[in-house]
Amino acid sequence: MRLKITIDAKTYEVEVEASEPDAPAQSLGIHVESAAVRLPASPVAVPEADTAVNGDEVCRSPVSGIVVRVAVQIGQTLQAGDILLVLEAMKMETNITSAVGGKVAAIKVAPGDAVQAGQVVVEFAK
């Protein structure tokens, strides 16, 4: 039986032979081989779990990305909504803002750092 198949706007004419339902794949001219799976030489580092930190005292990254710019300094007093840093994720820049007001106690990232979603990026003074 001849069939026409269109892939990416190109039409191909193929010939298909009917076979028995339980026929092995070799009778159709198909050869299947297994392939080796490569694993990384060392395990991928996972950021430390910051579960012991009070949520009001930190800002966590909402997305994974690369830090483009840090807009605050240690000791700076902020209000809720102030920009802390800018992340690039999926070729878009995202402003990460403070959910609470307070004084910046620590900045856990620097420009060029890769961050994961949920990772602590800024800590506030208690």
PDB file of N, CA and C in Angstrom:
ATOM      1  N   MET A   1       0.853  -1.153   0.000  1.00  0.00           N
ATOM      2  CA  MET A   1       0.000   0.000   0.000  1.00  0.00           C
ATOM      3  C   MET A   1       0.909   1.228   0.000  1.00  0.00           C
ATOM      4  N   ARG A   2       0.562   2.216  -0.787  1.00  0.00           N
ATOM      5  CA  ARG A   2       1.315   3.463  -0.877  1.00  0.00           C
ATOM      6  C   ARG A   2       0.573   4.549  -0.108  1.00  0.00           C
ATOM      7  N   LEU A   3       1.325   5.325   0.656  1.00  0.00           N
ATOM      8  CA  LEU A   3       0.762   6.425   1.424  1.00  0.00           C
ATOM      9  C   LEU A   3       1.525   7.702   1.135  1.00  0.00           C
ATOM     10  N   LYS A   4       0.846   8.819   1.269  1.00  0.00           N
ATOM     11  CA  LYS A   4       1.502  10.122   1.174  1.00  0.00           C
ATOM     12  C   LYS A   4       1.495  10.736   2.568  1.00  0.00           C
ATOM     13  N   ILE A   5       2.679  11.168   3.008  1.00  0.00           N
ATOM     14  CA  ILE A   5       2.835  11.783   4.323  1.00  0.00           C
ATOM     15  C   ILE A   5       3.424  13.170   4.117  1.00  0.00           C
ATOM     16  N   THR A   6       2.868  14.166   4.809  1.00  0.00           N
ATOM     17  CA  THR A   6       3.381  15.528   4.712  1.00  0.00           C
ATOM     18  C   THR A   6       4.027  15.895   6.041  1.00  0.00           C
ATOM     19  N   ILE A   7       5.304  16.303   5.978  1.00  0.00           N
ATOM     20  CA  ILE A   7       6.057  16.738   7.144  1.00  0.00           C
ATOM     21  C   ILE A   7       6.719  18.056   6.808  1.00  0.00           C
ATOM     22  N   ASP A   8       6.443  19.085   7.619  1.00  0.00           N
ATOM     23  CA  ASP A   8       7.011  20.418   7.391  1.00  0.00           C
ATOM     24  C   ASP A   8       6.781  20.888   5.956  1.00  0.00           C
ATOM     25  N   ALA A   9       5.576  20.759   5.505  1.00  0.00           N
ATOM     26  CA  ALA A   9       5.145  21.220   4.178  1.00  0.00           C
ATOM     27  C   ALA A   9       5.802  20.462   3.025  1.00  0.00           C
ATOM     28  N   LYS A  10       6.477  19.351   3.292  1.00  0.00           N
ATOM     29  CA  LYS A  10       7.043  18.508   2.241  1.00  0.00           C
ATOM     30  C   LYS A  10       6.262  17.205   2.222  1.00  0.00           C
ATOM     31  N   THR A  11       5.869  16.773   1.058  1.00  0.00           N
ATOM     32  CA  THR A  11       5.100  15.540   0.922  1.00  0.00           C
ATOM     33  C   THR A  11       6.023  14.405   0.513  1.00  0.00           C
ATOM     34  N   TYR A  12       5.894  13.289   1.221  1.00  0.00           N
ATOM     35  CA  TYR A  12       6.680  12.092   0.937  1.00  0.00           C
ATOM     36  C   TYR A  12       5.719  10.965   0.598  1.00  0.00           C
ATOM     37  N   GLU A  13       6.117  10.165  -0.382  1.00  0.00           N
ATOM     38  CA  GLU A  13       5.324   9.005  -0.751  1.00  0.00           C
ATOM     39  C   GLU A  13       6.061   7.787  -0.210  1.00  0.00           C
ATOM     40  N   VAL A  14       5.368   6.993   0.600  1.00  0.00           N
ATOM     41  CA  VAL A  14       5.993   5.820   1.204  1.00  0.00           C
ATOM     42  C   VAL A  14       5.182   4.579   0.872  1.00  0.00           C
ATOM     43  N   GLU A  15       5.861   3.461   0.893  1.00  0.00           N
ATOM     44  CA  GLU A  15       5.188   2.195   0.653  1.00  0.00           C
ATOM     45  C   GLU A  15       5.195   1.404   1.949  1.00  0.00           C
ATOM     46  N   VAL A  16       4.020   0.905   2.338  1.00  0.00           N
ATOM     47  CA  VAL A  16       3.850   0.185   3.589  1.00  0.00           C
ATOM     48  C   VAL A  16       3.308  -1.199   3.276  1.00  0.00           C
ATOM     49  N   GLU A  17       3.907  -2.214   3.928  1.00  0.00           N
ATOM     50  CA  GLU A  17       3.416  -3.571   3.757  1.00  0.00           C
ATOM     51  C   GLU A  17       2.677  -3.978   5.014  1.00  0.00           C
ATOM     52  N   ALA A  18       1.551  -4.623   4.840  1.00  0.00           N
ATOM     53  CA  ALA A  18       0.792  -5.143   5.973  1.00  0.00           C
ATOM     54  C   ALA A  18       1.475  -6.403   6.473  1.00  0.00           C
ATOM     55  N   SER A  19       1.474  -6.615   7.782  1.00  0.00           N
ATOM     56  CA  SER A  19       2.080  -7.823   8.335  1.00  0.00           C
ATOM     57  C   SER A  19       1.141  -8.410   9.376  1.00  0.00           C
ATOM     58  N   GLU A  20       1.520  -9.529   9.904  1.00  0.00           N
ATOM     59  CA  GLU A  20       0.727 -10.174  10.938  1.00  0.00           C
ATOM     60  C   GLU A  20       0.763  -9.307  12.197  1.00  0.00           C
ATOM     61  N   PRO A  21      -0.312  -9.289  12.997  1.00  0.00           N
ATOM     62  CA  PRO A  21      -0.329  -8.444  14.202  1.00  0.00           C
ATOM     63  C   PRO A  21       0.781  -8.760  15.197  1.00  0.00           C
ATOM     64  N   ASP A  22       1.209 -10.017  15.314  1.00  0.00           N
ATOM     65  CA  ASP A  22       2.241 -10.382  16.273  1.00  0.00           C
ATOM     66  C   ASP A  22       3.616 -10.518  15.628  1.00  0.00           C
ATOM     67  N   ALA A  23       3.786  -9.979  14.417  1.00  0.00           N
ATOM     68  CA  ALA A  23       5.053 -10.126  13.714  1.00  0.00           C
ATOM     69  C   ALA A  23       6.135  -9.297  14.402  1.00  0.00           C
ATOM     70  N   PRO A  24       7.351  -9.823  14.502  1.00  0.00           N
ATOM     71  CA  PRO A  24       8.441  -9.051  15.115  1.00  0.00           C
ATOM     72  C   PRO A  24       8.820  -7.858  14.236  1.00  0.00           C
ATOM     73  N   ALA A  25       9.451  -6.882  14.839  1.00  0.00           N
ATOM     74  CA  ALA A  25       9.804  -5.642  14.140  1.00  0.00           C
ATOM     75  C   ALA A  25      10.758  -5.889  12.977  1.00  0.00           C
ATOM     76  N   GLN A  26      11.630  -6.922  13.061  1.00  0.00           N
ATOM     77  CA  GLN A  26      12.580  -7.163  11.983  1.00  0.00           C
ATOM     78  C   GLN A  26      11.881  -7.441  10.668  1.00  0.00           C
ATOM     79  N   SER A  27      10.675  -8.015  10.684  1.00  0.00           N
ATOM     80  CA  SER A  27       9.997  -8.328   9.437  1.00  0.00           C
ATOM     81  C   SER A  27       9.527  -7.058   8.731  1.00  0.00           C
ATOM     82  N   LEU A  28       9.485  -5.950   9.446  1.00  0.00           N
ATOM     83  CA  LEU A  28       9.103  -4.683   8.831  1.00  0.00           C
ATOM     84  C   LEU A  28      10.322  -3.893   8.382  1.00  0.00           C
ATOM     85  N   GLY A  29      11.507  -4.446   8.599  1.00  0.00           N
ATOM     86  CA  GLY A  29      12.726  -3.753   8.206  1.00  0.00           C
ATOM     87  C   GLY A  29      13.153  -2.706   9.229  1.00  0.00           C
ATOM     88  N   ILE A  30      12.664  -2.827  10.455  1.00  0.00           N
ATOM     89  CA  ILE A  30      13.020  -1.873  11.497  1.00  0.00           C
ATOM     90  C   ILE A  30      14.048  -2.522  12.405  1.00  0.00           C
ATOM     91  N   HIS A  31      15.113  -1.813  12.676  1.00  0.00           N
ATOM     92  CA  HIS A  31      16.149  -2.314  13.569  1.00  0.00           C
ATOM     93  C   HIS A  31      16.265  -1.346  14.743  1.00  0.00           C
ATOM     94  N   VAL A  32      16.100  -1.858  15.961  1.00  0.00           N
ATOM     95  CA  VAL A  32      16.137  -1.021  17.159  1.00  0.00           C
ATOM     96  C   VAL A  32      17.332  -1.423  18.000  1.00  0.00           C
ATOM     97  N   GLU A  33      18.124  -0.435  18.414  1.00  0.00           N
ATOM     98  CA  GLU A  33      19.273  -0.688  19.273  1.00  0.00           C
ATOM     99  C   GLU A  33      19.129   0.128  20.542  1.00  0.00           C
ATOM    100  N   SER A  34      19.677  -0.365  21.622  1.00  0.00           N
ATOM    101  CA  SER A  34      19.679   0.428  22.850  1.00  0.00           C
ATOM    102  C   SER A  34      20.896   1.342  22.829  1.00  0.00           C
ATOM    103  N   ALA A  35      20.766   2.472  23.494  1.00  0.00           N
ATOM    104  CA  ALA A  35      21.857   3.440  23.547  1.00  0.00           C
ATOM    105  C   ALA A  35      22.298   3.608  24.995  1.00  0.00           C
ATOM    106  N   ALA A  36      23.580   3.888  25.182  1.00  0.00           N
ATOM    107  CA  ALA A  36      24.105   4.131  26.529  1.00  0.00           C
ATOM    108  C   ALA A  36      23.639   5.495  27.006  1.00  0.00           C
ATOM    109  N   VAL A  37      23.388   5.601  28.289  1.00  0.00           N
ATOM    110  CA  VAL A  37      22.979   6.866  28.888  1.00  0.00           C
ATOM    111  C   VAL A  37      24.178   7.464  29.589  1.00  0.00           C
ATOM    112  N   ARG A  38      24.474   8.728  29.316  1.00  0.00           N
ATOM    113  CA  ARG A  38      25.592   9.393  29.968  1.00  0.00           C
ATOM    114  C   ARG A  38      25.090  10.202  31.147  1.00  0.00           C
ATOM    115  N   LEU A  39      25.738  10.029  32.274  1.00  0.00           N
ATOM    116  CA  LEU A  39      25.412  10.783  33.471  1.00  0.00           C
ATOM    117  C   LEU A  39      26.527  11.780  33.725  1.00  0.00           C
ATOM    118  N   PRO A  40      26.212  12.913  34.367  1.00  0.00           N
ATOM    119  CA  PRO A  40      27.283  13.871  34.662  1.00  0.00           C
ATOM    120  C   PRO A  40      28.331  13.241  35.576  1.00  0.00           C
ATOM    121  N   ALA A  41      29.576  13.717  35.439  1.00  0.00           N
ATOM    122  CA  ALA A  41      30.668  13.170  36.226  1.00  0.00           C
ATOM    123  C   ALA A  41      30.461  13.398  37.719  1.00  0.00           C
ATOM    124  N   SER A  42      29.870  14.538  38.060  1.00  0.00           N
ATOM    125  CA  SER A  42      29.587  14.807  39.469  1.00  0.00           C
ATOM    126  C   SER A  42      28.136  15.229  39.588  1.00  0.00           C
ATOM    127  N   PRO A  43      27.520  14.966  40.715  1.00  0.00           N
ATOM    128  CA  PRO A  43      26.123  15.345  40.885  1.00  0.00           C
ATOM    129  C   PRO A  43      25.954  16.862  40.814  1.00  0.00           C
ATOM    130  N   VAL A  44      24.802  17.287  40.367  1.00  0.00           N
ATOM    131  CA  VAL A  44      24.495  18.702  40.264  1.00  0.00           C
ATOM    132  C   VAL A  44      24.263  19.250  41.665  1.00  0.00           C
ATOM    133  N   ALA A  45      24.877  20.398  41.947  1.00  0.00           N
ATOM    134  CA  ALA A  45      24.732  21.004  43.275  1.00  0.00           C
ATOM    135  C   ALA A  45      23.331  21.566  43.437  1.00  0.00           C
ATOM    136  N   VAL A  46      22.720  21.257  44.560  1.00  0.00           N
ATOM    137  CA  VAL A  46      21.392  21.771  44.876  1.00  0.00           C
ATOM    138  C   VAL A  46      21.559  22.801  45.978  1.00  0.00           C
ATOM    139  N   PRO A  47      20.925  23.974  45.835  1.00  0.00           N
ATOM    140  CA  PRO A  47      21.074  24.973  46.878  1.00  0.00           C
ATOM    141  C   PRO A  47      20.611  24.447  48.228  1.00  0.00           C
ATOM    142  N   GLU A  48      21.257  24.955  49.282  1.00  0.00           N
ATOM    143  CA  GLU A  48      20.891  24.545  50.627  1.00  0.00           C
ATOM    144  C   GLU A  48      19.437  24.865  50.910  1.00  0.00           C
ATOM    145  N   ALA A  49      18.791  24.010  51.652  1.00  0.00           N
ATOM    146  CA  ALA A  49      17.413  24.279  52.047  1.00  0.00           C
ATOM    147  C   ALA A  49      17.442  25.325  53.145  1.00  0.00           C
ATOM    148  N   ASP A  50      16.703  26.396  52.951  1.00  0.00           N
ATOM    149  CA  ASP A  50      16.664  27.489  53.902  1.00  0.00           C
ATOM    150  C   ASP A  50      15.355  27.438  54.670  1.00  0.00           C
ATOM    151  N   THR A  51      14.963  26.262  55.098  1.00  0.00           N
ATOM    152  CA  THR A  51      13.666  26.092  55.739  1.00  0.00           C
ATOM    153  C   THR A  51      13.617  26.688  57.131  1.00  0.00           C
ATOM    154  N   ALA A  52      14.781  26.838  57.795  1.00  0.00           N
ATOM    155  CA  ALA A  52      14.788  27.342  59.159  1.00  0.00           C
ATOM    156  C   ALA A  52      14.656  28.868  59.223  1.00  0.00           C
ATOM    157  N   VAL A  53      14.676  29.532  58.082  1.00  0.00           N
ATOM    158  CA  VAL A  53      14.647  30.995  58.045  1.00  0.00           C
ATOM    159  C   VAL A  53      13.208  31.471  57.992  1.00  0.00           C
ATOM    160  N   ASN A  54      12.881  32.474  58.808  1.00  0.00           N
ATOM    161  CA  ASN A  54      11.551  33.077  58.828  1.00  0.00           C
ATOM    162  C   ASN A  54      11.273  33.745  57.481  1.00  0.00           C
ATOM    163  N   GLY A  55      10.123  33.495  56.901  1.00  0.00           N
ATOM    164  CA  GLY A  55       9.767  34.035  55.589  1.00  0.00           C
ATOM    165  C   GLY A  55       9.714  35.545  55.531  1.00  0.00           C
ATOM    166  N   ASP A  56       9.437  36.216  56.681  1.00  0.00           N
ATOM    167  CA  ASP A  56       9.397  37.678  56.705  1.00  0.00           C
ATOM    168  C   ASP A  56      10.791  38.279  56.740  1.00  0.00           C
ATOM    169  N   GLU A  57      11.802  37.471  56.987  1.00  0.00           N
ATOM    170  CA  GLU A  57      13.162  37.973  57.121  1.00  0.00           C
ATOM    171  C   GLU A  57      14.011  37.725  55.884  1.00  0.00           C
ATOM    172  N   VAL A  58      13.428  37.129  54.833  1.00  0.00           N
ATOM    173  CA  VAL A  58      14.182  36.843  53.618  1.00  0.00           C
ATOM    174  C   VAL A  58      13.351  37.143  52.380  1.00  0.00           C
ATOM    175  N   CYS A  59      14.046  37.246  51.273  1.00  0.00           N
ATOM    176  CA  CYS A  59      13.391  37.301  49.962  1.00  0.00           C
ATOM    177  C   CYS A  59      13.919  36.114  49.178  1.00  0.00           C
ATOM    178  N   ARG A  60      12.996  35.313  48.666  1.00  0.00           N
ATOM    179  CA  ARG A  60      13.363  34.142  47.859  1.00  0.00           C
ATOM    180  C   ARG A  60      13.107  34.434  46.388  1.00  0.00           C
ATOM    181  N   SER A  61      13.913  33.848  45.541  1.00  0.00           N
ATOM    182  CA  SER A  61      13.724  34.011  44.104  1.00  0.00           C
ATOM    183  C   SER A  61      12.459  33.277  43.667  1.00  0.00           C
ATOM    184  N   PRO A  62      11.562  33.957  42.959  1.00  0.00           N
ATOM    185  CA  PRO A  62      10.349  33.294  42.502  1.00  0.00           C
ATOM    186  C   PRO A  62      10.577  32.395  41.287  1.00  0.00           C
ATOM    187  N   VAL A  63      11.700  32.605  40.581  1.00  0.00           N
ATOM    188  CA  VAL A  63      12.004  31.825  39.375  1.00  0.00           C
ATOM    189  C   VAL A  63      13.485  31.479  39.344  1.00  0.00           C
ATOM    190  N   SER A  64      13.850  30.509  38.533  1.00  0.00           N
ATOM    191  CA  SER A  64      15.256  30.207  38.283  1.00  0.00           C
ATOM    192  C   SER A  64      15.766  31.175  37.231  1.00  0.00           C
ATOM    193  N   GLY A  65      17.006  31.592  37.357  1.00  0.00           N
ATOM    194  CA  GLY A  65      17.566  32.506  36.370  1.00  0.00           C
ATOM    195  C   GLY A  65      18.972  32.930  36.737  1.00  0.00           C
ATOM    196  N   ILE A  66      19.450  33.950  36.040  1.00  0.00           N
ATOM    197  CA  ILE A  66      20.785  34.505  36.242  1.00  0.00           C
ATOM    198  C   ILE A  66      20.636  35.921  36.782  1.00  0.00           C
ATOM    199  N   VAL A  67      21.396  36.245  37.832  1.00  0.00           N
ATOM    200  CA  VAL A  67      21.353  37.591  38.404  1.00  0.00           C
ATOM    201  C   VAL A  67      22.020  38.556  37.420  1.00  0.00           C
ATOM    202  N   VAL A  68      21.261  39.571  36.998  1.00  0.00           N
ATOM    203  CA  VAL A  68      21.781  40.585  36.082  1.00  0.00           C
ATOM    204  C   VAL A  68      22.346  41.757  36.880  1.00  0.00           C
ATOM    205  N   ARG A  69      21.595  42.173  37.917  1.00  0.00           N
ATOM    206  CA  ARG A  69      21.988  43.357  38.680  1.00  0.00           C
ATOM    207  C   ARG A  69      21.430  43.257  40.088  1.00  0.00           C
ATOM    208  N   VAL A  70      22.243  43.640  41.071  1.00  0.00           N
ATOM    209  CA  VAL A  70      21.790  43.745  42.453  1.00  0.00           C
ATOM    210  C   VAL A  70      21.568  45.230  42.710  1.00  0.00           C
ATOM    211  N   ALA A  71      20.352  45.598  43.126  1.00  0.00           N
ATOM    212  CA  ALA A  71      19.980  47.001  43.258  1.00  0.00           C
ATOM    213  C   ALA A  71      20.047  47.527  44.690  1.00  0.00           C
ATOM    214  N   VAL A  72      20.468  46.707  45.651  1.00  0.00           N
ATOM    215  CA  VAL A  72      20.514  47.127  47.051  1.00  0.00           C
ATOM    216  C   VAL A  72      21.901  46.888  47.626  1.00  0.00           C
ATOM    217  N   GLN A  73      22.127  47.469  48.804  1.00  0.00           N
ATOM    218  CA  GLN A  73      23.387  47.273  49.514  1.00  0.00           C
ATOM    219  C   GLN A  73      23.082  46.850  50.941  1.00  0.00           C
ATOM    220  N   ILE A  74      24.027  46.183  51.573  1.00  0.00           N
ATOM    221  CA  ILE A  74      23.862  45.790  52.966  1.00  0.00           C
ATOM    222  C   ILE A  74      23.711  47.055  53.813  1.00  0.00           C
ATOM    223  N   GLY A  75      22.731  47.038  54.703  1.00  0.00           N
ATOM    224  CA  GLY A  75      22.473  48.179  55.575  1.00  0.00           C
ATOM    225  C   GLY A  75      21.430  49.142  55.028  1.00  0.00           C
ATOM    226  N   GLN A  76      21.073  48.995  53.768  1.00  0.00           N
ATOM    227  CA  GLN A  76      20.084  49.872  53.151  1.00  0.00           C
ATOM    228  C   GLN A  76      18.693  49.576  53.708  1.00  0.00           C
ATOM    229  N   THR A  77      17.928  50.632  53.998  1.00  0.00           N
ATOM    230  CA  THR A  77      16.559  50.483  54.479  1.00  0.00           C
ATOM    231  C   THR A  77      15.612  50.517  53.289  1.00  0.00           C
ATOM    232  N   LEU A  78      14.714  49.533  53.232  1.00  0.00           N
ATOM    233  CA  LEU A  78      13.794  49.393  52.095  1.00  0.00           C
ATOM    234  C   LEU A  78      12.347  49.455  52.555  1.00  0.00           C
ATOM    235  N   GLN A  79      11.495  49.743  51.599  1.00  0.00           N
ATOM    236  CA  GLN A  79      10.054  49.653  51.806  1.00  0.00           C
ATOM    237  C   GLN A  79       9.539  48.498  50.962  1.00  0.00           C
ATOM    238  N   ALA A  80       8.368  47.981  51.313  1.00  0.00           N
ATOM    239  CA  ALA A  80       7.766  46.912  50.506  1.00  0.00           C
ATOM    240  C   ALA A  80       7.597  47.412  49.075  1.00  0.00           C
ATOM    241  N   GLY A  81       7.977  46.593  48.114  1.00  0.00           N
ATOM    242  CA  GLY A  81       7.850  46.944  46.701  1.00  0.00           C
ATOM    243  C   GLY A  81       9.126  47.479  46.077  1.00  0.00           C
ATOM    244  N   ASP A  82      10.147  47.790  46.888  1.00  0.00           N
ATOM    245  CA  ASP A  82      11.421  48.265  46.338  1.00  0.00           C
ATOM    246  C   ASP A  82      12.122  47.130  45.589  1.00  0.00           C
ATOM    247  N   ILE A  83      12.810  47.471  44.504  1.00  0.00           N
ATOM    248  CA  ILE A  83      13.528  46.473  43.702  1.00  0.00           C
ATOM    249  C   ILE A  83      14.792  46.044  44.435  1.00  0.00           C
ATOM    250  N   LEU A  84      14.948  44.726  44.593  1.00  0.00           N
ATOM    251  CA  LEU A  84      16.136  44.154  45.226  1.00  0.00           C
ATOM    252  C   LEU A  84      17.186  43.777  44.192  1.00  0.00           C
ATOM    253  N   LEU A  85      16.743  43.086  43.147  1.00  0.00           N
ATOM    254  CA  LEU A  85      17.662  42.658  42.103  1.00  0.00           C
ATOM    255  C   LEU A  85      16.892  42.368  40.827  1.00  0.00           C
ATOM    256  N   VAL A  86      17.639  42.183  39.752  1.00  0.00           N
ATOM    257  CA  VAL A  86      17.056  41.870  38.453  1.00  0.00           C
ATOM    258  C   VAL A  86      17.582  40.514  38.015  1.00  0.00           C
ATOM    259  N   LEU A  87      16.667  39.611  37.657  1.00  0.00           N
ATOM    260  CA  LEU A  87      17.023  38.278  37.166  1.00  0.00           C
ATOM    261  C   LEU A  87      16.699  38.169  35.690  1.00  0.00           C
ATOM    262  N   GLU A  88      17.515  37.421  34.971  1.00  0.00           N
ATOM    263  CA  GLU A  88      17.186  37.077  33.586  1.00  0.00           C
ATOM    264  C   GLU A  88      16.736  35.633  33.583  1.00  0.00           C
ATOM    265  N   ALA A  89      15.506  35.423  33.140  1.00  0.00           N
ATOM    266  CA  ALA A  89      14.941  34.081  33.064  1.00  0.00           C
ATOM    267  C   ALA A  89      14.205  33.966  31.739  1.00  0.00           C
ATOM    268  N   MET A  90      14.531  32.966  30.968  1.00  0.00           N
ATOM    269  CA  MET A  90      13.909  32.731  29.666  1.00  0.00           C
ATOM    270  C   MET A  90      14.021  33.968  28.767  1.00  0.00           C
ATOM    271  N   LYS A  91      15.209  34.592  28.775  1.00  0.00           N
ATOM    272  CA  LYS A  91      15.538  35.757  27.949  1.00  0.00           C
ATOM    273  C   LYS A  91      14.702  36.988  28.274  1.00  0.00           C
ATOM    274  N   MET A  92      14.141  37.007  29.480  1.00  0.00           N
ATOM    275  CA  MET A  92      13.385  38.180  29.938  1.00  0.00           C
ATOM    276  C   MET A  92      13.953  38.615  31.274  1.00  0.00           C
ATOM    277  N   GLU A  93      14.018  39.917  31.487  1.00  0.00           N
ATOM    278  CA  GLU A  93      14.470  40.426  32.770  1.00  0.00           C
ATOM    279  C   GLU A  93      13.279  40.579  33.703  1.00  0.00           C
ATOM    280  N   THR A  94      13.452  40.129  34.940  1.00  0.00           N
ATOM    281  CA  THR A  94      12.400  40.172  35.946  1.00  0.00           C
ATOM    282  C   THR A  94      12.910  40.931  37.160  1.00  0.00           C
ATOM    283  N   ASN A  95      12.169  41.960  37.581  1.00  0.00           N
ATOM    284  CA  ASN A  95      12.518  42.687  38.796  1.00  0.00           C
ATOM    285  C   ASN A  95      12.041  41.887  39.994  1.00  0.00           C
ATOM    286  N   ILE A  96      12.939  41.626  40.934  1.00  0.00           N
ATOM    287  CA  ILE A  96      12.586  40.947  42.181  1.00  0.00           C
ATOM    288  C   ILE A  96      12.443  42.041  43.225  1.00  0.00           C
ATOM    289  N   THR A  97      11.258  42.157  43.803  1.00  0.00           N
ATOM    290  CA  THR A  97      10.980  43.232  44.748  1.00  0.00           C
ATOM    291  C   THR A  97      10.811  42.696  46.164  1.00  0.00           C
ATOM    292  N   SER A  98      10.961  43.597  47.108  1.00  0.00           N
ATOM    293  CA  SER A  98      10.817  43.250  48.513  1.00  0.00           C
ATOM    294  C   SER A  98       9.345  43.152  48.876  1.00  0.00           C
ATOM    295  N   ALA A  99       8.973  42.084  49.563  1.00  0.00           N
ATOM    296  CA  ALA A  99       7.584  41.926  50.008  1.00  0.00           C
ATOM    297  C   ALA A  99       7.349  42.675  51.317  1.00  0.00           C
ATOM    298  N   VAL A 100       8.433  42.965  52.038  1.00  0.00           N
ATOM    299  CA  VAL A 100       8.325  43.641  53.336  1.00  0.00           C
ATOM    300  C   VAL A 100       9.326  44.790  53.395  1.00  0.00           C
ATOM    301  N   GLY A 101       9.090  45.712  54.309  1.00  0.00           N
ATOM    302  CA  GLY A 101      10.050  46.771  54.557  1.00  0.00           C
ATOM    303  C   GLY A 101      11.059  46.312  55.587  1.00  0.00           C
ATOM    304  N   GLY A 102      12.228  46.932  55.595  1.00  0.00           N
ATOM    305  CA  GLY A 102      13.240  46.581  56.586  1.00  0.00           C
ATOM    306  C   GLY A 102      14.624  46.943  56.112  1.00  0.00           C
ATOM    307  N   LYS A 103      15.612  46.530  56.886  1.00  0.00           N
ATOM    308  CA  LYS A 103      17.011  46.814  56.580  1.00  0.00           C
ATOM    309  C   LYS A 103      17.658  45.556  56.003  1.00  0.00           C
ATOM    310  N   VAL A 104      18.438  45.713  54.934  1.00  0.00           N
ATOM    311  CA  VAL A 104      19.121  44.592  54.287  1.00  0.00           C
ATOM    312  C   VAL A 104      20.256  44.124  55.189  1.00  0.00           C
ATOM    313  N   ALA A 105      20.216  42.861  55.599  1.00  0.00           N
ATOM    314  CA  ALA A 105      21.250  42.281  56.453  1.00  0.00           C
ATOM    315  C   ALA A 105      22.303  41.528  55.643  1.00  0.00           C
ATOM    316  N   ALA A 106      21.877  40.856  54.572  1.00  0.00           N
ATOM    317  CA  ALA A 106      22.817  40.073  53.762  1.00  0.00           C
ATOM    318  C   ALA A 106      22.273  39.932  52.356  1.00  0.00           C
ATOM    319  N   ILE A 107      23.195  39.953  51.410  1.00  0.00           N
ATOM    320  CA  ILE A 107      22.859  39.701  50.008  1.00  0.00           C
ATOM    321  C   ILE A 107      23.539  38.393  49.645  1.00  0.00           C
ATOM    322  N   LYS A 108      22.757  37.394  49.290  1.00  0.00           N
ATOM    323  CA  LYS A 108      23.271  36.037  49.084  1.00  0.00           C
ATOM    324  C   LYS A 108      23.693  35.736  47.645  1.00  0.00           C
ATOM    325  N   VAL A 109      23.537  36.710  46.730  1.00  0.00           N
ATOM    326  CA  VAL A 109      23.869  36.492  45.321  1.00  0.00           C
ATOM    327  C   VAL A 109      24.655  37.683  44.785  1.00  0.00           C
ATOM    328  N   ALA A 110      25.283  37.481  43.640  1.00  0.00           N
ATOM    329  CA  ALA A 110      26.032  38.540  42.966  1.00  0.00           C
ATOM    330  C   ALA A 110      25.710  38.476  41.478  1.00  0.00           C
ATOM    331  N   PRO A 111      25.940  39.561  40.738  1.00  0.00           N
ATOM    332  CA  PRO A 111      25.690  39.528  39.295  1.00  0.00           C
ATOM    333  C   PRO A 111      26.432  38.352  38.640  1.00  0.00           C
ATOM    334  N   GLY A 112      25.713  37.640  37.777  1.00  0.00           N
ATOM    335  CA  GLY A 112      26.273  36.480  37.095  1.00  0.00           C
ATOM    336  C   GLY A 112      25.953  35.157  37.763  1.00  0.00           C
ATOM    337  N   ASP A 113      25.494  35.201  39.018  1.00  0.00           N
ATOM    338  CA  ASP A 113      25.149  33.963  39.733  1.00  0.00           C
ATOM    339  C   ASP A 113      23.876  33.347  39.167  1.00  0.00           C
ATOM    340  N   ALA A 114      23.849  32.024  39.115  1.00  0.00           N
ATOM    341  CA  ALA A 114      22.630  31.298  38.757  1.00  0.00           C
ATOM    342  C   ALA A 114      21.866  31.025  40.043  1.00  0.00           C
ATOM    343  N   VAL A 115      20.568  31.288  40.040  1.00  0.00           N
ATOM    344  CA  VAL A 115      19.736  31.024  41.211  1.00  0.00           C
ATOM    345  C   VAL A 115      18.600  30.090  40.830  1.00  0.00           C
ATOM    346  N   GLN A 116      18.139  29.348  41.817  1.00  0.00           N
ATOM    347  CA  GLN A 116      17.014  28.432  41.632  1.00  0.00           C
ATOM    348  C   GLN A 116      15.766  29.050  42.246  1.00  0.00           C
ATOM    349  N   ALA A 117      14.620  28.650  41.773  1.00  0.00           N
ATOM    350  CA  ALA A 117      13.353  29.122  42.361  1.00  0.00           C
ATOM    351  C   ALA A 117      13.326  28.698  43.822  1.00  0.00           C
ATOM    352  N   GLY A 118      12.983  29.622  44.709  1.00  0.00           N
ATOM    353  CA  GLY A 118      12.905  29.341  46.127  1.00  0.00           C
ATOM    354  C   GLY A 118      14.181  29.612  46.892  1.00  0.00           C
ATOM    355  N   GLN A 119      15.274  29.883  46.194  1.00  0.00           N
ATOM    356  CA  GLN A 119      16.545  30.154  46.845  1.00  0.00           C
ATOM    357  C   GLN A 119      16.517  31.529  47.505  1.00  0.00           C
ATOM    358  N   VAL A 120      17.065  31.642  48.723  1.00  0.00           N
ATOM    359  CA  VAL A 120      17.140  32.924  49.411  1.00  0.00           C
ATOM    360  C   VAL A 120      18.158  33.811  48.687  1.00  0.00           C
ATOM    361  N   VAL A 121      17.731  35.022  48.332  1.00  0.00           N
ATOM    362  CA  VAL A 121      18.622  35.957  47.636  1.00  0.00           C
ATOM    363  C   VAL A 121      19.000  37.147  48.525  1.00  0.00           C
ATOM    364  N   VAL A 122      18.103  37.552  49.429  1.00  0.00           N
ATOM    365  CA  VAL A 122      18.379  38.669  50.337  1.00  0.00           C
ATOM    366  C   VAL A 122      17.795  38.332  51.708  1.00  0.00           C
ATOM    367  N   GLU A 123      18.567  38.669  52.756  1.00  0.00           N
ATOM    368  CA  GLU A 123      18.073  38.517  54.130  1.00  0.00           C
ATOM    369  C   GLU A 123      17.903  39.903  54.740  1.00  0.00           C
ATOM    370  N   PHE A 124      16.877  40.069  55.567  1.00  0.00           N
ATOM    371  CA  PHE A 124      16.602  41.332  56.235  1.00  0.00           C
ATOM    372  C   PHE A 124      16.976  41.225  57.708  1.00  0.00           C
ATOM    373  N   ALA A 125      17.317  42.362  58.315  1.00  0.00           N
ATOM    374  CA  ALA A 125      17.642  42.398  59.742  1.00  0.00           C
ATOM    375  C   ALA A 125      16.394  42.124  60.540  1.00  0.00           C
ATOM    376  N   LYS A 126      16.558  41.471  61.678  1.00  0.00           N
ATOM    377  CA  LYS A 126      15.421  41.109  62.541  1.00  0.00           C
ATOM    378  C   LYS A 126      14.940  42.277  63.341  1.00  0.00           C
TER     379      LYS A 126
END
